[in-house]
């Protein structure tokens, strides 16, 4: 099949490109503007440098390729930035997705796999969320993704020749098990990335945003999924017949404090923790109910191990620092 992967030079996209290239014979075209992605992270397929907002240029790509599937990663993902600059998120995440969906329908693409987020659930009243639970995002980032989800679902009612798969990611972390790929973005602000920077000495201390949440140790709880397992979920989505929404997580939550203690253990280093105020838009506790993807897609994650997730992230970052 011919597969278009938008944002394929980014952290998650590049791992999916790698897995597809290693295990399938599909023809892969990567569309990326390289604003946050890296050309050298693309290990398979052909790169076309283009911005999704330039509709005429995007259409040329569709005119020259008979795509069977689109896997859509390209998006802005910083929650804090979405609060200070919401229009950027509605333009880049929602409007650009609308234009891409229009192109998919015009050129009769049969399947659209969408990179969504657990942020669509908002501050759920229960820790374990499933795909049928209420969605009430707390920030423009979450809303920009949820709007795109809604549009995709409405499109299925419009045509019988169009399928969608919506994958709601929980907290993605780590680097590929074979050491060939990881996050090249040294400005990443996710918890494990920040702890890694403290270990290697780039930061003097680790900030924890609030320790008075209604959780076991007062810090936020998240479901951390290894990047290779998330990539394999996309491979299952390519093979899956039908439309649907699927949580991508392990169904196991760890607190901020537990993640920090794990990073200290795998690195063999202690480091300073600074407790500061809560951030606007942070969710207290959220963990994936992943039964649907396990049963319907027969997804079999291999790296549900916080020690391994932290160590692979640390080893990768050290490797980048040495280059």
Protein backbone atom coordinates (compact mmCIF):
# COMPACT_ATOMS: atom_id res chain seq x y z
CA UNK A 1 0.00 0.00 0.00
CA UNK A 2 0.93 3.64 -0.41
CA UNK A 3 1.01 5.40 2.96
CA UNK A 4 1.31 9.13 3.62
CA UNK A 5 2.75 9.95 7.03
CA UNK A 6 2.48 13.60 8.08
CA UNK A 7 4.92 14.68 10.78
CA UNK A 8 6.96 11.55 10.12
CA UNK A 9 10.21 13.30 11.02
CA UNK A 10 9.06 13.87 14.59
CA UNK A 11 9.57 11.72 17.67
CA UNK A 12 6.55 9.42 17.34
CA UNK A 13 6.25 9.62 13.56
CA UNK A 14 9.86 8.58 12.96
CA UNK A 15 9.46 5.49 15.12
CA UNK A 16 6.34 4.48 13.18
CA UNK A 17 8.15 5.05 9.87
CA UNK A 18 11.00 2.88 11.14
CA UNK A 19 8.71 0.02 12.19
CA UNK A 20 6.74 0.10 8.94
CA UNK A 21 9.96 0.18 6.94
CA UNK A 22 11.48 -2.73 8.86
CA UNK A 23 8.46 -5.03 8.87
CA UNK A 24 6.35 -4.26 5.78
CA UNK A 25 6.67 -3.64 2.06
CA UNK A 26 4.47 -0.53 2.06
CA UNK A 27 5.52 2.52 0.05
CA UNK A 28 6.03 5.36 2.55
CA UNK A 29 5.90 9.08 1.81
CA UNK A 30 6.74 11.37 4.73
CA UNK A 31 5.38 14.92 4.67
CA UNK A 32 7.02 17.22 7.20
CA UNK A 33 7.92 20.90 7.38
CA UNK A 34 10.84 20.06 9.71
CA UNK A 35 9.81 22.80 12.17
CA UNK A 36 10.16 20.32 15.04
CA UNK A 37 11.17 17.18 13.15
CA UNK A 38 14.57 16.06 11.91
CA UNK A 39 15.40 14.75 8.45
CA UNK A 40 18.00 12.32 9.74
CA UNK A 41 15.32 10.66 11.92
CA UNK A 42 13.62 9.30 8.80
CA UNK A 43 15.16 5.87 8.25
CA UNK A 44 12.77 4.67 5.53
CA UNK A 45 10.58 6.10 2.81
CA UNK A 46 10.76 9.36 0.90
CA UNK A 47 10.62 12.80 2.55
CA UNK A 48 8.67 15.67 1.04
CA UNK A 49 9.35 18.95 2.86
CA UNK A 50 6.07 20.84 2.91
CA UNK A 51 3.73 22.61 5.32
CA UNK A 52 0.16 21.35 5.55
CA UNK A 53 -1.11 24.92 5.44
CA UNK A 54 0.15 25.30 1.85
CA UNK A 55 -2.80 23.52 0.30
CA UNK A 56 -1.70 23.77 -3.35
CA UNK A 57 1.63 22.11 -2.55
CA UNK A 58 -0.05 19.41 -0.48
CA UNK A 59 -2.43 18.66 -3.34
CA UNK A 60 0.49 18.12 -5.71
CA UNK A 61 1.64 15.29 -3.43
CA UNK A 62 -1.79 13.69 -3.66
CA UNK A 63 -1.87 14.13 -7.44
CA UNK A 64 1.36 12.18 -7.84
CA UNK A 65 0.61 9.40 -5.34
CA UNK A 66 -2.34 7.07 -5.03
CA UNK A 67 -2.50 6.92 -1.23
CA UNK A 68 -4.34 4.09 0.50
CA UNK A 69 -3.75 5.30 4.07
CA UNK A 70 -2.88 8.56 5.81
CA UNK A 71 -1.24 8.49 9.24
CA UNK A 72 -1.52 12.02 10.61
CA UNK A 73 0.99 13.04 13.29
CA UNK A 74 1.77 16.63 12.31
CA UNK A 75 0.65 18.89 15.17
CA UNK A 76 1.70 21.31 17.88
CA UNK A 77 1.76 19.52 21.24
CA UNK A 78 2.85 21.87 24.04
CA UNK A 79 -0.04 22.26 26.50
CA UNK A 80 1.40 25.42 28.08
CA UNK A 81 1.92 27.04 24.70
CA UNK A 82 -1.64 26.19 23.70
CA UNK A 83 -2.88 28.23 26.66
CA UNK A 84 -0.81 31.29 25.70
CA UNK A 85 -1.29 30.94 21.93
CA UNK A 86 -4.55 29.02 21.30
CA UNK A 87 -4.98 30.20 17.71
CA UNK A 88 -1.74 28.47 16.73
CA UNK A 89 -3.22 25.18 17.94
CA UNK A 90 -6.58 25.59 16.26
CA UNK A 91 -4.86 26.54 13.02
CA UNK A 92 -2.11 23.93 13.02
CA UNK A 93 -3.97 21.06 14.66
CA UNK A 94 -7.59 21.54 13.62
CA UNK A 95 -7.67 23.64 10.45
CA UNK A 96 -4.74 21.82 8.85
CA UNK A 97 -6.39 18.51 9.73
CA UNK A 98 -9.61 19.64 8.05
CA UNK A 99 -7.70 20.48 4.88
CA UNK A 100 -5.95 17.11 5.00
CA UNK A 101 -9.24 15.26 5.47
CA UNK A 102 -10.70 17.17 2.50
CA UNK A 103 -7.76 16.03 0.42
CA UNK A 104 -8.22 12.45 1.59
CA UNK A 105 -11.86 12.47 0.51
CA UNK A 106 -11.13 14.18 -2.80
CA UNK A 107 -8.46 11.64 -3.72
CA UNK A 108 -10.40 8.68 -2.33
CA UNK A 109 -8.02 7.65 0.44
CA UNK A 110 -9.64 4.71 2.22
CA UNK A 111 -8.24 5.05 5.75
CA UNK A 112 -7.18 7.90 8.03
CA UNK A 113 -5.21 7.13 11.22
CA UNK A 114 -5.19 10.09 13.59
CA UNK A 115 -2.70 10.87 16.34
CA UNK A 116 -4.87 12.07 19.24
CA UNK A 117 -4.33 12.39 22.97
CA UNK A 118 -5.63 11.44 26.39
CA UNK A 119 -5.88 15.20 27.00
CA UNK A 120 -9.34 15.00 25.39
CA UNK A 121 -10.66 13.38 28.60
CA UNK A 122 -9.81 16.40 30.74
CA UNK A 123 -9.86 15.99 34.50
CA UNK A 124 -11.98 12.86 34.54
CA UNK A 125 -13.86 11.94 37.69
CA UNK A 126 -12.28 8.49 37.52
CA UNK A 127 -8.65 7.51 37.12
CA UNK A 128 -9.12 4.76 34.51
CA UNK A 129 -10.76 6.17 31.38
CA UNK A 130 -12.19 4.25 28.45
CA UNK A 131 -13.05 5.38 24.96
CA UNK A 132 -16.73 5.93 25.79
CA UNK A 133 -16.09 8.26 28.73
CA UNK A 134 -16.96 11.95 28.59
CA UNK A 135 -14.50 14.26 26.88
CA UNK A 136 -13.93 17.71 28.36
CA UNK A 137 -10.41 18.99 27.59
CA UNK A 138 -8.80 21.52 29.93
CA UNK A 139 -6.73 23.31 27.30
CA UNK A 140 -6.74 24.36 23.63
CA UNK A 141 -4.35 21.53 22.74
CA UNK A 142 -6.89 18.94 23.90
CA UNK A 143 -9.77 20.78 22.23
CA UNK A 144 -7.89 21.06 18.93
CA UNK A 145 -7.47 17.28 18.90
CA UNK A 146 -11.03 16.53 20.00
CA UNK A 147 -12.45 18.75 17.25
CA UNK A 148 -10.50 16.76 14.65
CA UNK A 149 -11.79 13.52 16.15
CA UNK A 150 -15.36 14.76 15.79
CA UNK A 151 -14.79 15.76 12.16
CA UNK A 152 -13.40 12.33 11.32
CA UNK A 153 -16.36 10.59 12.94
CA UNK A 154 -18.79 12.77 11.01
CA UNK A 155 -17.05 11.92 7.74
CA UNK A 156 -17.84 8.23 8.11
CA UNK A 157 -21.52 9.11 8.06
CA UNK A 158 -20.86 10.97 4.80
CA UNK A 159 -19.17 8.17 2.91
CA UNK A 160 -19.05 4.40 3.16
CA UNK A 161 -15.58 4.27 1.58
CA UNK A 162 -13.73 6.02 4.38
CA UNK A 163 -12.47 4.54 7.66
CA UNK A 164 -10.85 6.32 10.57
CA UNK A 165 -8.74 5.09 13.46
CA UNK A 166 -8.28 7.53 16.35
CA UNK A 167 -5.43 6.64 18.68
CA UNK A 168 -5.51 8.48 22.00
CA UNK A 169 -1.94 8.52 23.31
CA UNK A 170 -1.14 8.58 26.98
CA UNK A 171 2.37 9.71 28.06
CA UNK A 172 4.84 8.56 25.42
CA UNK A 173 8.47 8.18 26.48
CA UNK A 174 11.70 6.29 25.94
CA UNK A 175 13.84 5.54 22.91
CA UNK A 176 13.79 2.59 20.52
CA UNK A 177 14.97 -0.67 22.05
CA UNK A 178 17.65 -1.07 19.35
CA UNK A 179 19.08 2.37 20.12
CA UNK A 180 18.59 3.67 16.57
CA UNK A 181 16.00 6.34 17.35
CA UNK A 182 14.81 8.53 20.17
CA UNK A 183 13.77 12.11 20.76
CA UNK A 184 16.06 14.58 19.00
CA UNK A 185 14.22 17.54 20.50
CA UNK A 186 16.45 18.80 23.30
CA UNK A 187 13.76 21.34 24.24
CA UNK A 188 11.21 18.65 25.14
CA UNK A 189 9.53 19.43 28.47
CA UNK A 190 7.90 16.11 29.37
CA UNK A 191 8.69 14.74 32.81
CA UNK A 192 11.09 11.97 31.80
CA UNK A 193 12.93 14.32 29.40
CA UNK A 194 13.39 16.88 32.17
CA UNK A 195 14.62 14.25 34.65
CA UNK A 196 17.09 13.06 32.02
CA UNK A 197 18.47 16.58 31.63
CA UNK A 198 19.01 16.86 35.38
CA UNK A 199 20.88 13.54 35.44
CA UNK A 200 23.30 14.61 32.67
CA UNK A 201 23.86 17.99 34.33
CA UNK A 202 22.06 20.25 31.85
CA UNK A 203 19.69 21.35 34.62
CA UNK A 204 20.56 21.90 38.25
CA UNK A 205 17.27 20.72 39.73
CA UNK A 206 13.99 19.01 38.97
CA UNK A 207 10.78 20.99 39.29
CA UNK A 208 7.63 19.24 40.51
CA UNK A 209 4.46 21.19 39.82
CA UNK A 210 2.34 20.58 42.89
CA UNK A 211 2.39 17.89 45.59
CA UNK A 212 -1.07 18.40 47.10
CA UNK A 213 -3.15 16.52 44.55
CA UNK A 214 -5.58 13.87 45.79
CA UNK A 215 -3.22 11.02 44.90
CA UNK A 216 -1.14 8.52 46.88
CA UNK A 217 1.85 10.86 47.24
CA UNK A 218 0.28 14.19 46.27
CA UNK A 219 1.78 14.31 42.75
CA UNK A 220 0.04 13.76 39.43
CA UNK A 221 -0.39 10.24 38.07
CA UNK A 222 0.08 9.27 34.43
CA UNK A 223 0.20 6.17 32.23
CA UNK A 224 3.62 6.02 30.52
CA UNK A 225 3.89 4.06 27.25
CA UNK A 226 7.17 3.15 25.57
CA UNK A 227 7.62 4.60 22.10
CA UNK A 228 8.18 1.19 20.46
CA UNK A 229 4.89 -0.14 21.82
CA UNK A 230 3.07 2.95 20.57
CA UNK A 231 4.64 2.42 17.13
CA UNK A 232 3.40 -1.17 17.11
CA UNK A 233 -0.12 0.08 17.87
CA UNK A 234 0.04 2.04 14.61
CA UNK A 235 1.07 -1.08 12.72
CA UNK A 236 -2.00 -2.81 14.15
CA UNK A 237 -4.12 0.19 13.11
CA UNK A 238 -2.88 -0.13 9.53
CA UNK A 239 -3.96 -3.77 9.50
CA UNK A 240 -7.28 -3.20 11.29
CA UNK A 241 -10.54 -3.26 9.34
CA UNK A 242 -13.15 -0.72 10.44
CA UNK A 243 -13.33 2.57 12.28
CA UNK A 244 -12.90 3.27 15.97
CA UNK A 245 -11.25 5.08 18.85
CA UNK A 246 -8.53 3.31 20.85
CA UNK A 247 -6.61 4.24 24.00
CA UNK A 248 -2.87 3.67 23.73
CA UNK A 249 -1.51 3.04 27.20
CA UNK A 250 -0.63 0.20 29.57
CA UNK A 251 -3.46 0.57 32.05
CA UNK A 252 -0.95 1.31 34.81
CA UNK A 253 -0.27 4.66 36.44
CA UNK A 254 2.84 6.14 38.02
CA UNK A 255 3.09 9.35 40.00
CA UNK A 256 5.55 12.13 39.22
CA UNK A 257 7.44 11.20 42.37
CA UNK A 258 7.65 7.53 41.32
CA UNK A 259 9.01 8.48 37.91
CA UNK A 260 11.67 10.69 39.48
CA UNK A 261 12.68 7.96 41.94
CA UNK A 262 12.91 5.49 39.05
CA UNK A 263 15.18 7.84 37.11
CA UNK A 264 17.38 8.22 40.17
CA UNK A 265 17.59 4.43 40.46
CA UNK A 266 18.43 3.64 36.82
CA UNK A 267 20.94 6.50 36.60
CA UNK A 268 22.57 5.85 39.96
CA UNK A 269 22.39 9.59 40.67
CA UNK A 270 20.53 11.61 43.25
CA UNK A 271 19.39 15.10 42.31
CA UNK A 272 17.59 18.06 43.78
CA UNK A 273 13.80 18.32 43.67
CA UNK A 274 12.06 21.70 43.86
CA UNK A 275 8.32 21.67 44.62
CA UNK A 276 6.56 24.63 42.97
CA UNK A 277 2.96 25.64 42.32
CA UNK A 278 0.48 23.69 40.24
CA UNK A 279 0.28 24.44 36.52
CA UNK A 280 -2.93 25.56 34.90
CA UNK A 281 -4.43 22.76 32.81
CA UNK A 282 -2.65 19.86 34.51
CA UNK A 283 -4.80 16.78 35.02
CA UNK A 284 -4.62 15.15 38.46
CA UNK A 285 -4.62 11.47 37.50
CA UNK A 286 -5.36 9.64 34.27
CA UNK A 287 -4.68 6.04 33.23
CA UNK A 288 -5.76 4.17 30.10
CA UNK A 289 -8.41 1.51 30.13
CA UNK A 290 -6.74 -0.35 27.25
CA UNK A 291 -8.99 -3.40 26.97
CA UNK A 292 -10.38 -2.31 23.61
CA UNK A 293 -7.05 -2.13 21.76
CA UNK A 294 -5.83 -5.33 23.42
CA UNK A 295 -8.86 -7.33 22.33
CA UNK A 296 -9.97 -5.78 19.05
CA UNK A 297 -6.54 -5.11 17.54
CA UNK A 298 -4.73 -7.94 19.33
CA UNK A 299 -2.06 -5.45 20.36
CA UNK A 300 0.69 -7.03 22.47
CA UNK A 301 2.92 -4.42 24.16
CA UNK A 302 6.42 -5.59 25.06
CA UNK A 303 7.95 -2.76 27.09
CA UNK A 304 5.63 -2.11 30.03
CA UNK A 305 8.52 -1.42 32.38
CA UNK A 306 9.12 2.03 33.86
CA UNK A 307 12.78 1.19 34.56
CA UNK A 308 13.33 0.36 30.88
CA UNK A 309 11.43 3.43 29.69
CA UNK A 310 13.56 5.72 31.86
CA UNK A 311 16.83 3.95 31.06
CA UNK A 312 16.24 3.93 27.30
CA UNK A 313 15.46 7.65 27.43
CA UNK A 314 18.59 8.36 29.49
CA UNK A 315 20.88 6.21 27.32
CA UNK A 316 19.60 7.90 24.18
CA UNK A 317 20.07 11.40 25.58
CA UNK A 318 23.61 10.60 26.69
CA UNK A 319 24.32 9.32 23.18
CA UNK A 320 23.05 12.59 21.68
CA UNK A 321 25.12 14.66 24.10
CA UNK A 322 28.24 12.75 23.10
CA UNK A 323 27.79 13.44 19.39
